[in-house]
């Protein structure tokens, strides 16, 4: 599993959570992977960031929880399935499994604060 450093930002006023890989800027495609959770990928279809508008509603948590800096994202992809997990303060807040309709390559990523 590849581990990357995560930069997270929560905008309480607009209820937007953004988590991105620290050394990467920009993205080439944006996929709605589950219930308003968007995965941004680079030109090689590799994950670079997560964007969640109305995050407290989508994740069904209080806004104060989203302000915790201890965030970890797991993304595992096979040719057929995409697994996504979001942990905050070492607690699984959200998990989903969907079809890999995005033509993403086989990968296993852990993106966390270092």
N, C-alpha and C. Protein backbone atom coordinates (compact mmCIF):
# COMPACT_ATOMS: atom_id res chain seq x y z
N UNK A 1 0.84 -1.17 0.00
CA UNK A 1 0.00 0.00 0.00
C UNK A 1 0.89 1.24 0.00
N UNK A 2 0.60 2.16 -0.90
CA UNK A 2 1.34 3.40 -0.98
C UNK A 2 0.76 4.39 0.03
N UNK A 3 1.63 5.05 0.81
CA UNK A 3 1.20 6.04 1.77
C UNK A 3 1.66 7.42 1.33
N UNK A 4 0.74 8.37 1.29
CA UNK A 4 1.05 9.74 0.91
C UNK A 4 0.66 10.67 2.04
N UNK A 5 1.35 11.84 2.09
CA UNK A 5 1.02 12.83 3.11
C UNK A 5 -0.22 13.61 2.69
N UNK A 6 -1.09 13.82 3.65
CA UNK A 6 -2.37 14.47 3.42
C UNK A 6 -2.38 15.88 3.99
N UNK A 7 -2.98 16.79 3.25
CA UNK A 7 -3.31 18.12 3.75
C UNK A 7 -4.83 18.18 3.75
N UNK A 8 -5.42 18.47 4.91
CA UNK A 8 -6.87 18.56 4.96
C UNK A 8 -7.28 19.96 5.36
N UNK A 9 -8.46 20.35 4.91
CA UNK A 9 -8.99 21.66 5.20
C UNK A 9 -10.50 21.54 5.33
N UNK A 10 -11.04 22.08 6.42
CA UNK A 10 -12.48 22.08 6.60
C UNK A 10 -12.96 23.51 6.73
N UNK A 11 -13.87 23.90 5.88
CA UNK A 11 -14.49 25.22 5.89
C UNK A 11 -15.86 25.08 6.56
N UNK A 12 -15.93 25.45 7.84
CA UNK A 12 -17.17 25.27 8.59
C UNK A 12 -18.31 26.12 8.04
N UNK A 13 -18.01 27.34 7.60
CA UNK A 13 -19.05 28.23 7.08
C UNK A 13 -19.76 27.63 5.88
N UNK A 14 -18.99 27.08 4.94
CA UNK A 14 -19.56 26.49 3.73
C UNK A 14 -19.71 24.97 3.82
N UNK A 15 -19.27 24.38 4.95
CA UNK A 15 -19.37 22.93 5.20
C UNK A 15 -18.73 22.12 4.08
N UNK A 16 -17.48 22.48 3.78
CA UNK A 16 -16.72 21.79 2.72
C UNK A 16 -15.46 21.18 3.32
N UNK A 17 -15.24 19.90 3.06
CA UNK A 17 -14.02 19.21 3.47
C UNK A 17 -13.20 18.89 2.24
N UNK A 18 -11.94 19.28 2.26
CA UNK A 18 -11.02 18.97 1.17
C UNK A 18 -9.81 18.27 1.76
N UNK A 19 -9.43 17.16 1.18
CA UNK A 19 -8.24 16.40 1.58
C UNK A 19 -7.42 16.19 0.31
N UNK A 20 -6.15 16.61 0.32
CA UNK A 20 -5.34 16.44 -0.87
C UNK A 20 -3.96 15.93 -0.53
N UNK A 21 -3.34 15.28 -1.49
CA UNK A 21 -1.97 14.83 -1.33
C UNK A 21 -1.07 16.06 -1.37
N UNK A 22 -0.17 16.16 -0.42
CA UNK A 22 0.59 17.39 -0.20
C UNK A 22 1.43 17.83 -1.39
N UNK A 23 2.08 16.92 -2.09
CA UNK A 23 3.01 17.33 -3.14
C UNK A 23 2.35 17.46 -4.52
N UNK A 24 1.04 17.36 -4.58
CA UNK A 24 0.33 17.39 -5.87
C UNK A 24 -0.55 18.62 -5.95
N UNK A 25 -0.50 19.28 -7.11
CA UNK A 25 -1.37 20.42 -7.35
C UNK A 25 -2.21 20.16 -8.59
N UNK A 26 -3.50 20.48 -8.50
CA UNK A 26 -4.39 20.32 -9.64
C UNK A 26 -4.85 18.89 -9.84
N UNK A 27 -5.77 18.72 -10.79
CA UNK A 27 -6.28 17.40 -11.14
C UNK A 27 -6.81 17.46 -12.56
N UNK A 28 -7.00 16.28 -13.16
CA UNK A 28 -7.48 16.27 -14.55
C UNK A 28 -8.89 15.72 -14.68
N UNK A 29 -9.40 15.04 -13.64
CA UNK A 29 -10.78 14.53 -13.69
C UNK A 29 -11.34 14.50 -12.28
N UNK A 30 -12.67 14.60 -12.20
CA UNK A 30 -13.37 14.68 -10.93
C UNK A 30 -14.52 13.67 -10.99
N UNK A 31 -14.54 12.69 -10.06
CA UNK A 31 -15.56 11.65 -10.08
C UNK A 31 -16.39 11.67 -8.81
N UNK A 32 -17.70 11.60 -8.95
CA UNK A 32 -18.60 11.46 -7.82
C UNK A 32 -18.62 9.97 -7.47
N UNK A 33 -17.84 9.60 -6.46
CA UNK A 33 -17.69 8.17 -6.16
C UNK A 33 -18.78 7.64 -5.24
N UNK A 34 -19.41 8.55 -4.44
CA UNK A 34 -20.42 8.07 -3.52
C UNK A 34 -21.10 9.24 -2.83
N UNK A 35 -22.39 9.39 -3.04
CA UNK A 35 -23.22 10.32 -2.26
C UNK A 35 -22.60 11.71 -2.07
N UNK A 36 -22.07 12.31 -3.12
CA UNK A 36 -21.51 13.65 -3.00
C UNK A 36 -20.07 13.70 -2.57
N UNK A 37 -19.39 12.57 -2.54
CA UNK A 37 -17.96 12.54 -2.26
C UNK A 37 -17.26 12.46 -3.61
N UNK A 38 -16.43 13.46 -3.87
CA UNK A 38 -15.76 13.55 -5.17
C UNK A 38 -14.29 13.20 -5.04
N UNK A 39 -13.83 12.33 -5.91
CA UNK A 39 -12.43 11.92 -5.98
C UNK A 39 -11.82 12.59 -7.20
N UNK A 40 -10.77 13.36 -6.99
CA UNK A 40 -10.06 14.01 -8.07
C UNK A 40 -8.82 13.19 -8.39
N UNK A 41 -8.56 12.99 -9.67
CA UNK A 41 -7.43 12.16 -10.11
C UNK A 41 -6.54 12.94 -11.07
N UNK A 42 -5.29 12.49 -11.19
CA UNK A 42 -4.37 13.12 -12.13
C UNK A 42 -4.52 12.49 -13.51
N UNK A 43 -3.65 12.85 -14.43
CA UNK A 43 -3.74 12.36 -15.81
C UNK A 43 -3.54 10.85 -15.92
N UNK A 44 -2.95 10.23 -14.90
CA UNK A 44 -2.75 8.78 -14.88
C UNK A 44 -3.86 8.05 -14.13
N UNK A 45 -4.93 8.77 -13.81
CA UNK A 45 -6.08 8.24 -13.07
C UNK A 45 -5.72 7.84 -11.64
N UNK A 46 -4.70 8.48 -11.05
CA UNK A 46 -4.31 8.23 -9.66
C UNK A 46 -4.92 9.30 -8.76
N UNK A 47 -5.39 8.93 -7.57
CA UNK A 47 -6.04 9.88 -6.67
C UNK A 47 -5.11 11.01 -6.25
N UNK A 48 -5.64 12.24 -6.23
CA UNK A 48 -4.87 13.39 -5.75
C UNK A 48 -5.61 14.16 -4.67
N UNK A 49 -6.95 14.08 -4.64
CA UNK A 49 -7.69 14.79 -3.60
C UNK A 49 -9.12 14.29 -3.50
N UNK A 50 -9.74 14.65 -2.36
CA UNK A 50 -11.14 14.34 -2.07
C UNK A 50 -11.83 15.67 -1.79
N UNK A 51 -13.03 15.85 -2.30
CA UNK A 51 -13.81 17.06 -2.09
C UNK A 51 -15.21 16.65 -1.65
N UNK A 52 -15.67 17.19 -0.50
CA UNK A 52 -17.00 16.86 0.00
C UNK A 52 -17.72 18.16 0.36
N UNK A 53 -18.70 18.53 -0.45
CA UNK A 53 -19.54 19.68 -0.15
C UNK A 53 -20.69 19.19 0.74
N UNK A 54 -21.13 20.03 1.67
CA UNK A 54 -22.14 19.65 2.68
C UNK A 54 -21.62 18.43 3.47
N UNK A 55 -20.35 18.51 3.86
CA UNK A 55 -19.65 17.38 4.46
C UNK A 55 -20.32 16.84 5.72
N UNK A 56 -20.79 17.70 6.60
CA UNK A 56 -21.40 17.20 7.83
C UNK A 56 -22.67 16.41 7.51
N UNK A 57 -23.41 16.83 6.51
CA UNK A 57 -24.63 16.13 6.09
C UNK A 57 -24.29 14.82 5.37
N UNK A 58 -23.35 14.89 4.43
CA UNK A 58 -22.96 13.69 3.65
C UNK A 58 -22.38 12.62 4.57
N UNK A 59 -21.53 13.04 5.51
CA UNK A 59 -20.86 12.09 6.40
C UNK A 59 -21.66 11.81 7.67
N UNK A 60 -22.74 12.56 7.87
CA UNK A 60 -23.61 12.39 9.03
C UNK A 60 -22.85 12.53 10.36
N UNK A 61 -22.08 13.64 10.45
CA UNK A 61 -21.33 13.95 11.67
C UNK A 61 -21.49 15.43 12.00
N UNK A 62 -21.18 15.78 13.22
CA UNK A 62 -21.20 17.18 13.63
C UNK A 62 -20.01 17.91 13.00
N UNK A 63 -20.19 19.19 12.76
CA UNK A 63 -19.13 19.99 12.14
C UNK A 63 -17.85 20.00 12.96
N UNK A 64 -17.97 19.97 14.29
CA UNK A 64 -16.78 20.00 15.14
C UNK A 64 -15.89 18.78 14.92
N UNK A 65 -16.47 17.65 14.54
CA UNK A 65 -15.69 16.44 14.25
C UNK A 65 -14.83 16.65 13.01
N UNK A 66 -15.37 17.36 12.02
CA UNK A 66 -14.64 17.59 10.77
C UNK A 66 -13.47 18.54 10.94
N UNK A 67 -13.41 19.24 12.06
CA UNK A 67 -12.30 20.14 12.34
C UNK A 67 -11.09 19.41 12.91
N UNK A 68 -11.24 18.16 13.29
CA UNK A 68 -10.13 17.37 13.82
C UNK A 68 -9.09 17.18 12.73
N UNK A 69 -7.81 17.48 13.01
CA UNK A 69 -6.78 17.36 11.98
C UNK A 69 -6.33 15.92 11.71
N UNK A 70 -6.74 14.98 12.54
CA UNK A 70 -6.31 13.59 12.39
C UNK A 70 -7.24 12.87 11.39
N UNK A 71 -6.94 13.02 10.10
CA UNK A 71 -7.76 12.46 9.03
C UNK A 71 -6.93 11.48 8.22
N UNK A 72 -7.56 10.39 7.84
CA UNK A 72 -6.91 9.37 7.02
C UNK A 72 -7.90 8.88 5.96
N UNK A 73 -7.44 8.75 4.73
CA UNK A 73 -8.27 8.28 3.63
C UNK A 73 -7.63 7.00 3.07
N UNK A 74 -8.45 5.97 2.89
CA UNK A 74 -8.01 4.73 2.25
C UNK A 74 -8.76 4.57 0.94
N UNK A 75 -8.03 4.30 -0.12
CA UNK A 75 -8.63 4.06 -1.42
C UNK A 75 -8.01 2.79 -1.98
N UNK A 76 -8.85 1.83 -2.27
CA UNK A 76 -8.38 0.58 -2.87
C UNK A 76 -9.20 0.36 -4.13
N UNK A 77 -8.51 0.06 -5.21
CA UNK A 77 -9.19 -0.07 -6.48
C UNK A 77 -8.71 -1.33 -7.20
N UNK A 78 -9.67 -2.08 -7.70
CA UNK A 78 -9.37 -3.18 -8.61
C UNK A 78 -9.97 -2.78 -9.95
N UNK A 79 -9.83 -3.60 -10.93
CA UNK A 79 -10.43 -3.28 -12.24
C UNK A 79 -11.95 -3.18 -12.14
N UNK A 80 -12.55 -3.85 -11.12
CA UNK A 80 -14.00 -3.88 -11.01
C UNK A 80 -14.56 -3.00 -9.91
N UNK A 81 -13.85 -2.85 -8.77
CA UNK A 81 -14.41 -2.17 -7.61
C UNK A 81 -13.51 -1.05 -7.10
N UNK A 82 -14.16 -0.08 -6.46
CA UNK A 82 -13.47 1.02 -5.80
C UNK A 82 -13.96 1.06 -4.36
N UNK A 83 -13.04 0.86 -3.41
CA UNK A 83 -13.34 0.94 -1.98
C UNK A 83 -12.80 2.26 -1.46
N UNK A 84 -13.60 2.93 -0.65
CA UNK A 84 -13.22 4.22 -0.09
C UNK A 84 -13.56 4.23 1.39
N UNK A 85 -12.60 4.69 2.22
CA UNK A 85 -12.84 4.84 3.66
C UNK A 85 -12.27 6.16 4.12
N UNK A 86 -13.00 6.80 5.03
CA UNK A 86 -12.54 8.05 5.63
C UNK A 86 -12.55 7.87 7.15
N UNK A 87 -11.40 8.10 7.78
CA UNK A 87 -11.27 8.01 9.23
C UNK A 87 -10.93 9.39 9.78
N UNK A 88 -11.57 9.75 10.88
CA UNK A 88 -11.26 10.98 11.58
C UNK A 88 -11.05 10.62 13.04
N UNK A 89 -9.91 11.06 13.59
CA UNK A 89 -9.55 10.73 14.98
C UNK A 89 -9.57 9.22 15.19
N UNK A 90 -9.07 8.48 14.22
CA UNK A 90 -8.96 7.02 14.25
C UNK A 90 -10.30 6.30 14.30
N UNK A 91 -11.39 6.99 13.96
CA UNK A 91 -12.70 6.36 13.90
C UNK A 91 -13.19 6.39 12.45
N UNK A 92 -13.69 5.26 11.99
CA UNK A 92 -14.21 5.21 10.63
C UNK A 92 -15.50 6.01 10.58
N UNK A 93 -15.48 7.06 9.77
CA UNK A 93 -16.61 7.97 9.64
C UNK A 93 -17.46 7.57 8.44
N UNK A 94 -16.81 7.08 7.40
CA UNK A 94 -17.53 6.77 6.17
C UNK A 94 -16.79 5.68 5.40
N UNK A 95 -17.56 4.79 4.78
CA UNK A 95 -16.99 3.76 3.92
C UNK A 95 -17.98 3.48 2.80
N UNK A 96 -17.45 3.25 1.62
CA UNK A 96 -18.31 2.90 0.49
C UNK A 96 -17.57 1.96 -0.45
N UNK A 97 -18.34 1.22 -1.18
CA UNK A 97 -17.80 0.32 -2.21
C UNK A 97 -18.66 0.55 -3.44
N UNK A 98 -18.01 0.77 -4.57
CA UNK A 98 -18.74 1.01 -5.82
C UNK A 98 -18.02 0.35 -6.98
N UNK A 99 -18.69 0.33 -8.10
CA UNK A 99 -18.07 -0.21 -9.30
C UNK A 99 -17.00 0.77 -9.79
N UNK A 100 -15.92 0.26 -10.32
CA UNK A 100 -14.86 1.09 -10.89
C UNK A 100 -15.27 1.48 -12.31
N UNK A 101 -16.18 2.43 -12.39
CA UNK A 101 -16.65 2.89 -13.70
C UNK A 101 -15.81 4.05 -14.22
N UNK A 102 -14.68 4.32 -13.54
CA UNK A 102 -13.83 5.45 -13.87
C UNK A 102 -12.55 5.03 -14.61
N UNK A 103 -12.38 3.74 -14.85
CA UNK A 103 -11.18 3.21 -15.51
C UNK A 103 -9.91 3.52 -14.72
N UNK A 104 -10.03 3.49 -13.39
CA UNK A 104 -8.85 3.70 -12.54
C UNK A 104 -8.04 2.41 -12.51
N UNK A 105 -6.72 2.53 -12.43
CA UNK A 105 -5.88 1.34 -12.38
C UNK A 105 -5.96 0.66 -11.02
N UNK A 106 -5.48 -0.55 -10.95
CA UNK A 106 -5.41 -1.27 -9.68
C UNK A 106 -4.46 -0.51 -8.77
N UNK A 107 -4.93 -0.19 -7.55
CA UNK A 107 -4.10 0.57 -6.61
C UNK A 107 -4.60 0.37 -5.20
N UNK A 108 -3.74 0.71 -4.26
CA UNK A 108 -4.08 0.69 -2.85
C UNK A 108 -3.36 1.87 -2.22
N UNK A 109 -4.11 2.90 -1.81
CA UNK A 109 -3.55 4.13 -1.26
C UNK A 109 -4.00 4.34 0.17
N UNK A 110 -3.08 4.80 0.97
CA UNK A 110 -3.40 5.34 2.28
C UNK A 110 -2.91 6.78 2.27
N UNK A 111 -3.79 7.71 2.52
CA UNK A 111 -3.44 9.11 2.52
C UNK A 111 -3.70 9.63 3.93
N UNK A 112 -2.65 10.07 4.62
CA UNK A 112 -2.81 10.46 6.01
C UNK A 112 -1.92 11.63 6.35
N UNK A 113 -2.26 12.29 7.46
CA UNK A 113 -1.41 13.34 7.98
C UNK A 113 -0.13 12.72 8.51
N UNK A 114 1.00 13.32 8.21
CA UNK A 114 2.27 12.81 8.73
C UNK A 114 2.79 13.70 9.82
